[in-house]
């Protein structure tokens, strides 16, 4: 099993390969997203996303044609994200020693490299968040999820802001992930996704801090608040409004893109992404009983953020 440091070295190798290889599209920027990019990785679960921002990728085409793309009579994918992912998959499989290609995903090339699992994705270039959000106003609700990868760079910025996400709360996030990995070691049913779980822990930490909890008690009280959030999830009203920028180009008024109604747990980098729905990997499966939340609700009382990552891994 690779250590976090070893995984970072492997990731840097991959970034260099993608930046300088003949991969079939222009590489303007490569963002290390996922747990490694957010600084919340735990050994054995690196949750690595690499996102290529490319001037070749056409957002309007993806909106109008569809993210998966269409196949030509010759079987090639020539539209949407699909044509770029097809090129990347061919490049990795033929030109990068040590890569093992895994089952194809609709929005990513999934592969193993040096013992770590990687999702490679592509995104159009956006000059700023306001431009991206303005574009999303003309995207059908059923297509919004197709553009969530576009916000990856701003997710990384959010987690890189020490004032917003401190090293202390990142440690609690790592502990929560270690707990999740132990609890869901034999099944992925109802397993919360890493980014979603990170935001739940962050909100619980913020709630505890707002009550003036001392440093000596913050781990315990963050645990208490996390349990409250999960058990009362149907009333979730979680967002980071101070991180959103509501001014468009040239100072014009910019409308809020909050998803309508409650419950909602909004991505701080993309207020159209309601993680209440997408945080378990599936959408629109939360209206009967606890839906996708059922397993998390059933297990949440066993979490204890006063325990270290090592102690979480050791729990039977």
C-alpha atoms as a PDB file:
ATOM      1  CA  UNK A   1       0.000   0.000   0.000  1.00  0.00           C
ATOM      2  CA  UNK A   2       1.460   3.360  -1.049  1.00  0.00           C
ATOM      3  CA  UNK A   3       1.900   6.065   1.567  1.00  0.00           C
ATOM      4  CA  UNK A   4       0.389   9.513   1.051  1.00  0.00           C
ATOM      5  CA  UNK A   5       3.857  10.837   0.177  1.00  0.00           C
ATOM      6  CA  UNK A   6       4.436   8.060  -2.361  1.00  0.00           C
ATOM      7  CA  UNK A   7       1.027   8.718  -3.892  1.00  0.00           C
ATOM      8  CA  UNK A   8       1.877  12.413  -4.278  1.00  0.00           C
ATOM      9  CA  UNK A   9       5.105  11.492  -6.104  1.00  0.00           C
ATOM     10  CA  UNK A  10       3.163   9.230  -8.475  1.00  0.00           C
ATOM     11  CA  UNK A  11       0.626  11.977  -9.096  1.00  0.00           C
ATOM     12  CA  UNK A  12       3.375  14.445  -9.985  1.00  0.00           C
ATOM     13  CA  UNK A  13       4.709  11.895 -12.471  1.00  0.00           C
ATOM     14  CA  UNK A  14       1.290  11.581 -14.073  1.00  0.00           C
ATOM     15  CA  UNK A  15       0.849  15.343 -14.310  1.00  0.00           C
ATOM     16  CA  UNK A  16       4.200  15.664 -16.086  1.00  0.00           C
ATOM     17  CA  UNK A  17       3.257  12.883 -18.510  1.00  0.00           C
ATOM     18  CA  UNK A  18      -0.068  14.537 -19.316  1.00  0.00           C
ATOM     19  CA  UNK A  19       1.471  17.966 -19.769  1.00  0.00           C
ATOM     20  CA  UNK A  20       4.156  16.792 -22.180  1.00  0.00           C
ATOM     21  CA  UNK A  21       2.666  13.711 -23.846  1.00  0.00           C
ATOM     22  CA  UNK A  22       0.902  13.521 -27.213  1.00  0.00           C
ATOM     23  CA  UNK A  23      -2.458  12.931 -25.569  1.00  0.00           C
ATOM     24  CA  UNK A  24      -4.746  14.236 -28.312  1.00  0.00           C
ATOM     25  CA  UNK A  25      -5.862  17.547 -26.806  1.00  0.00           C
ATOM     26  CA  UNK A  26      -4.414  20.825 -25.595  1.00  0.00           C
ATOM     27  CA  UNK A  27      -3.485  20.789 -21.901  1.00  0.00           C
ATOM     28  CA  UNK A  28      -3.821  24.277 -20.462  1.00  0.00           C
ATOM     29  CA  UNK A  29      -3.868  23.211 -16.820  1.00  0.00           C
ATOM     30  CA  UNK A  30      -3.964  20.011 -14.766  1.00  0.00           C
ATOM     31  CA  UNK A  31      -5.670  20.173 -11.373  1.00  0.00           C
ATOM     32  CA  UNK A  32      -5.024  17.604  -8.664  1.00  0.00           C
ATOM     33  CA  UNK A  33      -8.466  17.177  -7.167  1.00  0.00           C
ATOM     34  CA  UNK A  34      -9.989  14.588  -4.847  1.00  0.00           C
ATOM     35  CA  UNK A  35      -8.575  13.864  -1.396  1.00  0.00           C
ATOM     36  CA  UNK A  36      -4.943  14.296  -2.414  1.00  0.00           C
ATOM     37  CA  UNK A  37      -5.632  17.697  -3.918  1.00  0.00           C
ATOM     38  CA  UNK A  38      -7.713  18.746  -0.917  1.00  0.00           C
ATOM     39  CA  UNK A  39      -5.110  17.638   1.619  1.00  0.00           C
ATOM     40  CA  UNK A  40      -7.434  15.087   3.253  1.00  0.00           C
ATOM     41  CA  UNK A  41      -6.091  11.773   1.943  1.00  0.00           C
ATOM     42  CA  UNK A  42      -5.735   8.749   4.225  1.00  0.00           C
ATOM     43  CA  UNK A  43      -3.531   5.723   3.499  1.00  0.00           C
ATOM     44  CA  UNK A  44      -5.237   3.195   1.265  1.00  0.00           C
ATOM     45  CA  UNK A  45      -7.917   5.597   0.021  1.00  0.00           C
ATOM     46  CA  UNK A  46      -6.383   8.398  -1.992  1.00  0.00           C
ATOM     47  CA  UNK A  47      -9.502   9.273  -3.979  1.00  0.00           C
ATOM     48  CA  UNK A  48      -7.490  10.909  -6.750  1.00  0.00           C
ATOM     49  CA  UNK A  49      -9.055  12.946  -9.531  1.00  0.00           C
ATOM     50  CA  UNK A  50      -6.917  14.614 -12.177  1.00  0.00           C
ATOM     51  CA  UNK A  51      -8.767  17.238 -14.198  1.00  0.00           C
ATOM     52  CA  UNK A  52      -7.405  18.521 -17.490  1.00  0.00           C
ATOM     53  CA  UNK A  53      -8.649  22.014 -18.310  1.00  0.00           C
ATOM     54  CA  UNK A  54      -8.408  22.364 -22.071  1.00  0.00           C
ATOM     55  CA  UNK A  55      -9.268  25.060 -24.599  1.00  0.00           C
ATOM     56  CA  UNK A  56     -10.250  22.221 -26.950  1.00  0.00           C
ATOM     57  CA  UNK A  57     -13.225  21.210 -24.807  1.00  0.00           C
ATOM     58  CA  UNK A  58     -16.399  22.959 -25.928  1.00  0.00           C
ATOM     59  CA  UNK A  59     -18.912  23.605 -23.137  1.00  0.00           C
ATOM     60  CA  UNK A  60     -21.730  24.540 -25.544  1.00  0.00           C
ATOM     61  CA  UNK A  61     -21.241  21.310 -27.483  1.00  0.00           C
ATOM     62  CA  UNK A  62     -21.422  19.302 -24.275  1.00  0.00           C
ATOM     63  CA  UNK A  63     -24.572  21.165 -23.242  1.00  0.00           C
ATOM     64  CA  UNK A  64     -26.275  20.758 -26.625  1.00  0.00           C
ATOM     65  CA  UNK A  65     -25.069  17.288 -27.652  1.00  0.00           C
ATOM     66  CA  UNK A  66     -24.611  15.624 -24.270  1.00  0.00           C
ATOM     67  CA  UNK A  67     -21.675  14.778 -22.047  1.00  0.00           C
ATOM     68  CA  UNK A  68     -21.241  11.199 -23.205  1.00  0.00           C
ATOM     69  CA  UNK A  69     -21.054  12.127 -26.855  1.00  0.00           C
ATOM     70  CA  UNK A  70     -22.264  10.318 -29.932  1.00  0.00           C
ATOM     71  CA  UNK A  71     -20.685   7.504 -31.902  1.00  0.00           C
ATOM     72  CA  UNK A  72     -19.843   7.762 -35.583  1.00  0.00           C
ATOM     73  CA  UNK A  73     -20.733   4.909 -37.978  1.00  0.00           C
ATOM     74  CA  UNK A  74     -17.175   3.692 -37.374  1.00  0.00           C
ATOM     75  CA  UNK A  75     -17.726   3.368 -33.635  1.00  0.00           C
ATOM     76  CA  UNK A  76     -15.611   6.371 -32.624  1.00  0.00           C
ATOM     77  CA  UNK A  77     -16.886   8.886 -30.094  1.00  0.00           C
ATOM     78  CA  UNK A  78     -16.680  12.319 -31.712  1.00  0.00           C
ATOM     79  CA  UNK A  79     -18.658  14.697 -29.464  1.00  0.00           C
ATOM     80  CA  UNK A  80     -19.069  15.705 -25.822  1.00  0.00           C
ATOM     81  CA  UNK A  81     -16.568  14.664 -23.173  1.00  0.00           C
ATOM     82  CA  UNK A  82     -16.536  11.249 -24.790  1.00  0.00           C
ATOM     83  CA  UNK A  83     -14.184  12.035 -27.658  1.00  0.00           C
ATOM     84  CA  UNK A  84     -11.551  13.460 -25.308  1.00  0.00           C
ATOM     85  CA  UNK A  85     -11.832  10.615 -22.825  1.00  0.00           C
ATOM     86  CA  UNK A  86     -11.518   8.157 -25.713  1.00  0.00           C
ATOM     87  CA  UNK A  87      -8.238   9.808 -26.761  1.00  0.00           C
ATOM     88  CA  UNK A  88      -6.921   9.855 -23.215  1.00  0.00           C
ATOM     89  CA  UNK A  89      -7.782   6.218 -22.683  1.00  0.00           C
ATOM     90  CA  UNK A  90      -5.941   5.275 -25.883  1.00  0.00           C
ATOM     91  CA  UNK A  91      -2.893   7.333 -24.883  1.00  0.00           C
ATOM     92  CA  UNK A  92      -2.689   5.890 -21.365  1.00  0.00           C
ATOM     93  CA  UNK A  93      -3.164   2.323 -22.547  1.00  0.00           C
ATOM     94  CA  UNK A  94      -0.525   2.510 -25.264  1.00  0.00           C
ATOM     95  CA  UNK A  95       2.047   5.047 -24.065  1.00  0.00           C
ATOM     96  CA  UNK A  96       2.295   4.985 -20.258  1.00  0.00           C
ATOM     97  CA  UNK A  97       4.026   1.947 -18.726  1.00  0.00           C
ATOM     98  CA  UNK A  98       2.485   0.814 -15.454  1.00  0.00           C
ATOM     99  CA  UNK A  99      -1.048   1.938 -16.265  1.00  0.00           C
ATOM    100  CA  UNK A 100      -3.893  -0.574 -15.934  1.00  0.00           C
ATOM    101  CA  UNK A 101      -7.110   0.631 -17.508  1.00  0.00           C
ATOM    102  CA  UNK A 102     -10.261  -0.144 -15.543  1.00  0.00           C
ATOM    103  CA  UNK A 103     -13.914  -0.232 -16.542  1.00  0.00           C
ATOM    104  CA  UNK A 104     -14.960   2.838 -18.496  1.00  0.00           C
ATOM    105  CA  UNK A 105     -16.923   5.571 -16.718  1.00  0.00           C
ATOM    106  CA  UNK A 106     -19.274   8.083 -18.375  1.00  0.00           C
ATOM    107  CA  UNK A 107     -17.330  11.158 -17.253  1.00  0.00           C
ATOM    108  CA  UNK A 108     -13.817   9.839 -16.576  1.00  0.00           C
ATOM    109  CA  UNK A 109     -11.032   7.495 -17.585  1.00  0.00           C
ATOM    110  CA  UNK A 110     -10.430   5.259 -14.583  1.00  0.00           C
ATOM    111  CA  UNK A 111      -7.077   3.519 -14.242  1.00  0.00           C
ATOM    112  CA  UNK A 112      -4.555   2.222 -11.735  1.00  0.00           C
ATOM    113  CA  UNK A 113      -1.005   3.532 -11.585  1.00  0.00           C
ATOM    114  CA  UNK A 114       1.607   2.490  -9.060  1.00  0.00           C
ATOM    115  CA  UNK A 115      -1.037   1.026  -6.771  1.00  0.00           C
ATOM    116  CA  UNK A 116      -3.322   4.075  -6.703  1.00  0.00           C
ATOM    117  CA  UNK A 117      -6.703   4.449  -8.360  1.00  0.00           C
ATOM    118  CA  UNK A 118      -7.105   7.499 -10.594  1.00  0.00           C
ATOM    119  CA  UNK A 119     -10.030   9.178 -12.350  1.00  0.00           C
ATOM    120  CA  UNK A 120      -8.905  11.380 -15.238  1.00  0.00           C
ATOM    121  CA  UNK A 121     -11.451  13.973 -16.335  1.00  0.00           C
ATOM    122  CA  UNK A 122     -11.615  16.912 -18.725  1.00  0.00           C
ATOM    123  CA  UNK A 123     -13.166  20.364 -18.472  1.00  0.00           C
ATOM    124  CA  UNK A 124     -13.566  23.476 -20.592  1.00  0.00           C
ATOM    125  CA  UNK A 125     -11.658  26.559 -19.442  1.00  0.00           C
ATOM    126  CA  UNK A 126     -13.606  29.176 -17.496  1.00  0.00           C
ATOM    127  CA  UNK A 127     -12.132  32.629 -16.814  1.00  0.00           C
ATOM    128  CA  UNK A 128     -13.888  32.817 -13.452  1.00  0.00           C
ATOM    129  CA  UNK A 129     -16.708  31.329 -11.391  1.00  0.00           C
ATOM    130  CA  UNK A 130     -19.227  33.971 -12.430  1.00  0.00           C
ATOM    131  CA  UNK A 131     -18.825  33.075 -16.101  1.00  0.00           C
ATOM    132  CA  UNK A 132     -19.264  29.395 -15.294  1.00  0.00           C
ATOM    133  CA  UNK A 133     -22.350  30.001 -13.178  1.00  0.00           C
ATOM    134  CA  UNK A 134     -23.877  32.280 -15.799  1.00  0.00           C
ATOM    135  CA  UNK A 135     -23.439  29.475 -18.339  1.00  0.00           C
ATOM    136  CA  UNK A 136     -25.207  27.048 -15.986  1.00  0.00           C
ATOM    137  CA  UNK A 137     -28.347  29.176 -16.059  1.00  0.00           C
ATOM    138  CA  UNK A 138     -28.982  27.848 -19.581  1.00  0.00           C
ATOM    139  CA  UNK A 139     -28.298  24.215 -18.690  1.00  0.00           C
ATOM    140  CA  UNK A 140     -31.199  21.847 -18.002  1.00  0.00           C
ATOM    141  CA  UNK A 141     -31.387  20.542 -14.448  1.00  0.00           C
ATOM    142  CA  UNK A 142     -30.878  16.993 -15.688  1.00  0.00           C
ATOM    143  CA  UNK A 143     -27.568  18.061 -17.253  1.00  0.00           C
ATOM    144  CA  UNK A 144     -26.187  20.118 -14.357  1.00  0.00           C
ATOM    145  CA  UNK A 145     -24.310  17.150 -12.910  1.00  0.00           C
ATOM    146  CA  UNK A 146     -22.408  16.777 -16.202  1.00  0.00           C
ATOM    147  CA  UNK A 147     -20.664  20.057 -15.446  1.00  0.00           C
ATOM    148  CA  UNK A 148     -19.780  19.442 -11.788  1.00  0.00           C
ATOM    149  CA  UNK A 149     -16.206  18.492 -12.759  1.00  0.00           C
ATOM    150  CA  UNK A 150     -15.765  22.015 -14.140  1.00  0.00           C
ATOM    151  CA  UNK A 151     -15.767  23.351 -10.568  1.00  0.00           C
ATOM    152  CA  UNK A 152     -12.846  21.147  -9.458  1.00  0.00           C
ATOM    153  CA  UNK A 153     -10.272  23.951  -9.417  1.00  0.00           C
ATOM    154  CA  UNK A 154     -12.480  26.054  -7.122  1.00  0.00           C
ATOM    155  CA  UNK A 155     -13.076  23.090  -4.828  1.00  0.00           C
ATOM    156  CA  UNK A 156      -9.298  22.798  -4.475  1.00  0.00           C
ATOM    157  CA  UNK A 157      -9.062  26.554  -3.790  1.00  0.00           C
ATOM    158  CA  UNK A 158     -11.723  26.239  -1.094  1.00  0.00           C
ATOM    159  CA  UNK A 159      -9.854  23.462   0.704  1.00  0.00           C
ATOM    160  CA  UNK A 160      -6.525  25.259   0.274  1.00  0.00           C
ATOM    161  CA  UNK A 161      -7.760  28.309   2.192  1.00  0.00           C
ATOM    162  CA  UNK A 162      -6.442  27.813   5.744  1.00  0.00           C
ATOM    163  CA  UNK A 163      -8.933  30.372   7.067  1.00  0.00           C
ATOM    164  CA  UNK A 164     -11.793  28.377   5.550  1.00  0.00           C
ATOM    165  CA  UNK A 165     -10.543  24.821   6.079  1.00  0.00           C
ATOM    166  CA  UNK A 166      -7.896  24.663   8.813  1.00  0.00           C
ATOM    167  CA  UNK A 167      -5.347  21.904   9.298  1.00  0.00           C
ATOM    168  CA  UNK A 168      -7.290  20.871  12.386  1.00  0.00           C
ATOM    169  CA  UNK A 169     -10.535  20.275  10.530  1.00  0.00           C
ATOM    170  CA  UNK A 170      -8.620  18.486   7.766  1.00  0.00           C
ATOM    171  CA  UNK A 171      -7.385  16.068  10.418  1.00  0.00           C
ATOM    172  CA  UNK A 172     -10.983  15.455  11.517  1.00  0.00           C
ATOM    173  CA  UNK A 173     -11.954  14.859   7.881  1.00  0.00           C
ATOM    174  CA  UNK A 174      -9.192  12.256   7.573  1.00  0.00           C
ATOM    175  CA  UNK A 175     -10.488  10.527  10.697  1.00  0.00           C
ATOM    176  CA  UNK A 176     -14.027  10.517   9.316  1.00  0.00           C
ATOM    177  CA  UNK A 177     -12.794   8.966   6.073  1.00  0.00           C
ATOM    178  CA  UNK A 178     -10.865   6.295   7.963  1.00  0.00           C
ATOM    179  CA  UNK A 179     -14.044   5.513   9.915  1.00  0.00           C
ATOM    180  CA  UNK A 180     -16.070   5.356   6.686  1.00  0.00           C
ATOM    181  CA  UNK A 181     -13.552   3.058   4.999  1.00  0.00           C
ATOM    182  CA  UNK A 182     -13.677   0.682   7.944  1.00  0.00           C
ATOM    183  CA  UNK A 183     -17.471   0.696   8.129  1.00  0.00           C
ATOM    184  CA  UNK A 184     -17.936   0.176   4.396  1.00  0.00           C
ATOM    185  CA  UNK A 185     -15.017  -2.197   3.889  1.00  0.00           C
ATOM    186  CA  UNK A 186     -17.272  -5.002   2.588  1.00  0.00           C
ATOM    187  CA  UNK A 187     -19.930  -3.035   0.706  1.00  0.00           C
ATOM    188  CA  UNK A 188     -20.343   0.295  -1.055  1.00  0.00           C
ATOM    189  CA  UNK A 189     -24.088   0.452  -0.442  1.00  0.00           C
ATOM    190  CA  UNK A 190     -24.855   3.838   1.059  1.00  0.00           C
ATOM    191  CA  UNK A 191     -21.172   4.759   1.296  1.00  0.00           C
ATOM    192  CA  UNK A 192     -20.795   8.560   1.437  1.00  0.00           C
ATOM    193  CA  UNK A 193     -18.473  10.058  -1.154  1.00  0.00           C
ATOM    194  CA  UNK A 194     -15.309  11.706   0.131  1.00  0.00           C
ATOM    195  CA  UNK A 195     -16.103  15.291  -0.845  1.00  0.00           C
ATOM    196  CA  UNK A 196     -19.589  15.048   0.620  1.00  0.00           C
ATOM    197  CA  UNK A 197     -18.318  13.601   3.904  1.00  0.00           C
ATOM    198  CA  UNK A 198     -15.642  16.302   4.066  1.00  0.00           C
ATOM    199  CA  UNK A 199     -18.263  19.035   3.857  1.00  0.00           C
ATOM    200  CA  UNK A 200     -20.408  17.408   6.538  1.00  0.00           C
ATOM    201  CA  UNK A 201     -17.423  17.327   8.907  1.00  0.00           C
ATOM    202  CA  UNK A 202     -16.508  20.919   8.027  1.00  0.00           C
ATOM    203  CA  UNK A 203     -20.021  22.138   8.800  1.00  0.00           C
ATOM    204  CA  UNK A 204     -20.072  20.240  12.097  1.00  0.00           C
ATOM    205  CA  UNK A 205     -16.705  21.792  13.005  1.00  0.00           C
ATOM    206  CA  UNK A 206     -17.977  25.280  12.133  1.00  0.00           C
ATOM    207  CA  UNK A 207     -21.082  24.745  14.271  1.00  0.00           C
ATOM    208  CA  UNK A 208     -18.957  23.723  17.236  1.00  0.00           C
ATOM    209  CA  UNK A 209     -16.642  26.699  16.780  1.00  0.00           C
ATOM    210  CA  UNK A 210     -19.596  29.081  16.612  1.00  0.00           C
ATOM    211  CA  UNK A 211     -20.642  27.840  20.056  1.00  0.00           C
ATOM    212  CA  UNK A 212     -17.214  28.805  21.406  1.00  0.00           C
ATOM    213  CA  UNK A 213     -16.063  25.243  22.060  1.00  0.00           C
ATOM    214  CA  UNK A 214     -12.506  25.095  23.426  1.00  0.00           C
ATOM    215  CA  UNK A 215      -9.653  23.458  21.533  1.00  0.00           C
ATOM    216  CA  UNK A 216      -9.499  20.649  24.080  1.00  0.00           C
ATOM    217  CA  UNK A 217     -13.132  19.687  23.383  1.00  0.00           C
ATOM    218  CA  UNK A 218     -13.414  20.495  19.671  1.00  0.00           C
ATOM    219  CA  UNK A 219     -12.999  16.907  18.426  1.00  0.00           C
ATOM    220  CA  UNK A 220     -15.698  15.631  20.758  1.00  0.00           C
ATOM    221  CA  UNK A 221     -18.113  18.450  19.966  1.00  0.00           C
ATOM    222  CA  UNK A 222     -17.518  18.189  16.218  1.00  0.00           C
ATOM    223  CA  UNK A 223     -18.518  14.529  16.560  1.00  0.00           C
ATOM    224  CA  UNK A 224     -21.697  15.550  18.389  1.00  0.00           C
ATOM    225  CA  UNK A 225     -22.628  18.085  15.714  1.00  0.00           C
ATOM    226  CA  UNK A 226     -21.846  15.680  12.878  1.00  0.00           C
ATOM    227  CA  UNK A 227     -24.256  13.142  14.341  1.00  0.00           C
ATOM    228  CA  UNK A 228     -26.939  15.821  14.653  1.00  0.00           C
ATOM    229  CA  UNK A 229     -26.534  16.883  11.025  1.00  0.00           C
ATOM    230  CA  UNK A 230     -26.786  13.309   9.747  1.00  0.00           C
ATOM    231  CA  UNK A 231     -29.759  12.328  11.901  1.00  0.00           C
ATOM    232  CA  UNK A 232     -31.621  15.531  11.013  1.00  0.00           C
ATOM    233  CA  UNK A 233     -30.605  15.427   7.350  1.00  0.00           C
ATOM    234  CA  UNK A 234     -34.109  16.074   6.033  1.00  0.00           C
ATOM    235  CA  UNK A 235     -33.844  19.589   7.426  1.00  0.00           C
ATOM    236  CA  UNK A 236     -30.384  20.261   6.028  1.00  0.00           C
ATOM    237  CA  UNK A 237     -29.732  23.895   5.129  1.00  0.00           C
ATOM    238  CA  UNK A 238     -26.016  23.902   4.477  1.00  0.00           C
ATOM    239  CA  UNK A 239     -24.218  26.303   2.196  1.00  0.00           C
ATOM    240  CA  UNK A 240     -21.164  28.556   2.226  1.00  0.00           C
ATOM    241  CA  UNK A 241     -22.620  31.798   0.949  1.00  0.00           C
ATOM    242  CA  UNK A 242     -19.547  33.830   1.903  1.00  0.00           C
ATOM    243  CA  UNK A 243     -17.526  31.776  -0.589  1.00  0.00           C
ATOM    244  CA  UNK A 244     -19.864  32.451  -3.498  1.00  0.00           C
ATOM    245  CA  UNK A 245     -19.297  35.459  -5.722  1.00  0.00           C
ATOM    246  CA  UNK A 246     -22.555  36.972  -6.898  1.00  0.00           C
ATOM    247  CA  UNK A 247     -21.107  39.745  -9.035  1.00  0.00           C
ATOM    248  CA  UNK A 248     -20.818  39.043 -12.728  1.00  0.00           C
ATOM    249  CA  UNK A 249     -18.479  40.651 -15.241  1.00  0.00           C
ATOM    250  CA  UNK A 250     -18.141  44.451 -15.010  1.00  0.00           C
ATOM    251  CA  UNK A 251     -19.936  44.463 -11.671  1.00  0.00           C
ATOM    252  CA  UNK A 252     -23.315  43.478 -13.070  1.00  0.00           C
ATOM    253  CA  UNK A 253     -25.841  41.921 -10.720  1.00  0.00           C
ATOM    254  CA  UNK A 254     -25.539  38.157 -10.648  1.00  0.00           C
ATOM    255  CA  UNK A 255     -28.474  35.918  -9.653  1.00  0.00           C
ATOM    256  CA  UNK A 256     -28.085  33.184  -7.113  1.00  0.00           C
ATOM    257  CA  UNK A 257     -28.031  29.668  -8.479  1.00  0.00           C
ATOM    258  CA  UNK A 258     -29.130  27.960  -5.289  1.00  0.00           C
ATOM    259  CA  UNK A 259     -31.099  24.827  -6.009  1.00  0.00           C
ATOM    260  CA  UNK A 260     -34.722  25.456  -5.012  1.00  0.00           C
ATOM    261  CA  UNK A 261     -36.121  24.193  -1.753  1.00  0.00           C
ATOM    262  CA  UNK A 262     -34.760  22.035   1.029  1.00  0.00           C
ATOM    263  CA  UNK A 263     -33.000  19.850   2.046  1.00  0.00           C
ATOM    264  CA  UNK A 264     -29.781  21.080   0.507  1.00  0.00           C
ATOM    265  CA  UNK A 265     -26.048  20.757   1.076  1.00  0.00           C
ATOM    266  CA  UNK A 266     -24.502  22.990  -1.554  1.00  0.00           C
ATOM    267  CA  UNK A 267     -21.055  22.581  -3.020  1.00  0.00           C
ATOM    268  CA  UNK A 268     -19.133  25.737  -2.011  1.00  0.00           C
ATOM    269  CA  UNK A 269     -17.567  25.829  -5.475  1.00  0.00           C
ATOM    270  CA  UNK A 270     -20.807  25.246  -7.376  1.00  0.00           C
ATOM    271  CA  UNK A 271     -24.166  26.183  -5.814  1.00  0.00           C
ATOM    272  CA  UNK A 272     -26.065  24.175  -8.445  1.00  0.00           C
ATOM    273  CA  UNK A 273     -24.576  20.943  -7.054  1.00  0.00           C
ATOM    274  CA  UNK A 274     -26.782  19.782  -4.193  1.00  0.00           C
ATOM    275  CA  UNK A 275     -24.694  17.143  -2.432  1.00  0.00           C
ATOM    276  CA  UNK A 276     -27.759  16.089  -0.485  1.00  0.00           C
ATOM    277  CA  UNK A 277     -28.677  14.322  -3.715  1.00  0.00           C
ATOM    278  CA  UNK A 278     -25.263  13.622  -5.249  1.00  0.00           C
ATOM    279  CA  UNK A 279     -23.228  12.841  -2.119  1.00  0.00           C
ATOM    280  CA  UNK A 280     -23.747   9.085  -2.409  1.00  0.00           C
ATOM    281  CA  UNK A 281     -23.130   8.897  -6.133  1.00  0.00           C
ATOM    282  CA  UNK A 282     -26.789   8.720  -7.164  1.00  0.00           C
ATOM    283  CA  UNK A 283     -29.453  11.361  -7.538  1.00  0.00           C
ATOM    284  CA  UNK A 284     -33.162  11.545  -6.679  1.00  0.00           C
ATOM    285  CA  UNK A 285     -33.176   8.581  -4.298  1.00  0.00           C
ATOM    286  CA  UNK A 286     -33.931  10.264  -1.002  1.00  0.00           C
ATOM    287  CA  UNK A 287     -37.699  10.696  -0.842  1.00  0.00           C
ATOM    288  CA  UNK A 288     -38.645   7.313   0.628  1.00  0.00           C
ATOM    289  CA  UNK A 289     -37.541   6.791   4.208  1.00  0.00           C
ATOM    290  CA  UNK A 290     -33.879   7.780   4.471  1.00  0.00           C
ATOM    291  CA  UNK A 291     -33.123   6.675   0.898  1.00  0.00           C
ATOM    292  CA  UNK A 292     -29.416   6.825   0.200  1.00  0.00           C
ATOM    293  CA  UNK A 293     -28.894   8.243   3.681  1.00  0.00           C
ATOM    294  CA  UNK A 294     -30.121   5.096   5.438  1.00  0.00           C
ATOM    295  CA  UNK A 295     -26.736   3.406   5.926  1.00  0.00           C
ATOM    296  CA  UNK A 296     -25.043   6.603   7.075  1.00  0.00           C
ATOM    297  CA  UNK A 297     -27.846   7.293   9.545  1.00  0.00           C
ATOM    298  CA  UNK A 298     -27.649   3.714  10.838  1.00  0.00           C
ATOM    299  CA  UNK A 299     -23.889   3.874  11.397  1.00  0.00           C
ATOM    300  CA  UNK A 300     -23.213   7.469  12.430  1.00  0.00           C
ATOM    301  CA  UNK A 301     -23.410   6.795  16.186  1.00  0.00           C
ATOM    302  CA  UNK A 302     -20.235   4.707  15.924  1.00  0.00           C
ATOM    303  CA  UNK A 303     -18.032   7.605  14.779  1.00  0.00           C
ATOM    304  CA  UNK A 304     -15.669   9.241  17.268  1.00  0.00           C
ATOM    305  CA  UNK A 305     -13.464  12.023  15.913  1.00  0.00           C
ATOM    306  CA  UNK A 306     -11.355  12.047  19.064  1.00  0.00           C
ATOM    307  CA  UNK A 307      -9.739   8.864  17.698  1.00  0.00           C
ATOM    308  CA  UNK A 308      -6.749   9.146  15.368  1.00  0.00           C
ATOM    309  CA  UNK A 309      -6.696   7.772  11.824  1.00  0.00           C
ATOM    310  CA  UNK A 310      -4.625   4.829  13.103  1.00  0.00           C
ATOM    311  CA  UNK A 311      -7.143   4.140  15.864  1.00  0.00           C
ATOM    312  CA  UNK A 312     -10.012   4.338  13.364  1.00  0.00           C
ATOM    313  CA  UNK A 313      -8.280   1.773  11.148  1.00  0.00           C
ATOM    314  CA  UNK A 314      -7.763  -0.523  14.130  1.00  0.00           C
ATOM    315  CA  UNK A 315     -11.412  -0.474  15.278  1.00  0.00           C
ATOM    316  CA  UNK A 316     -13.049  -3.858  14.801  1.00  0.00           C
END
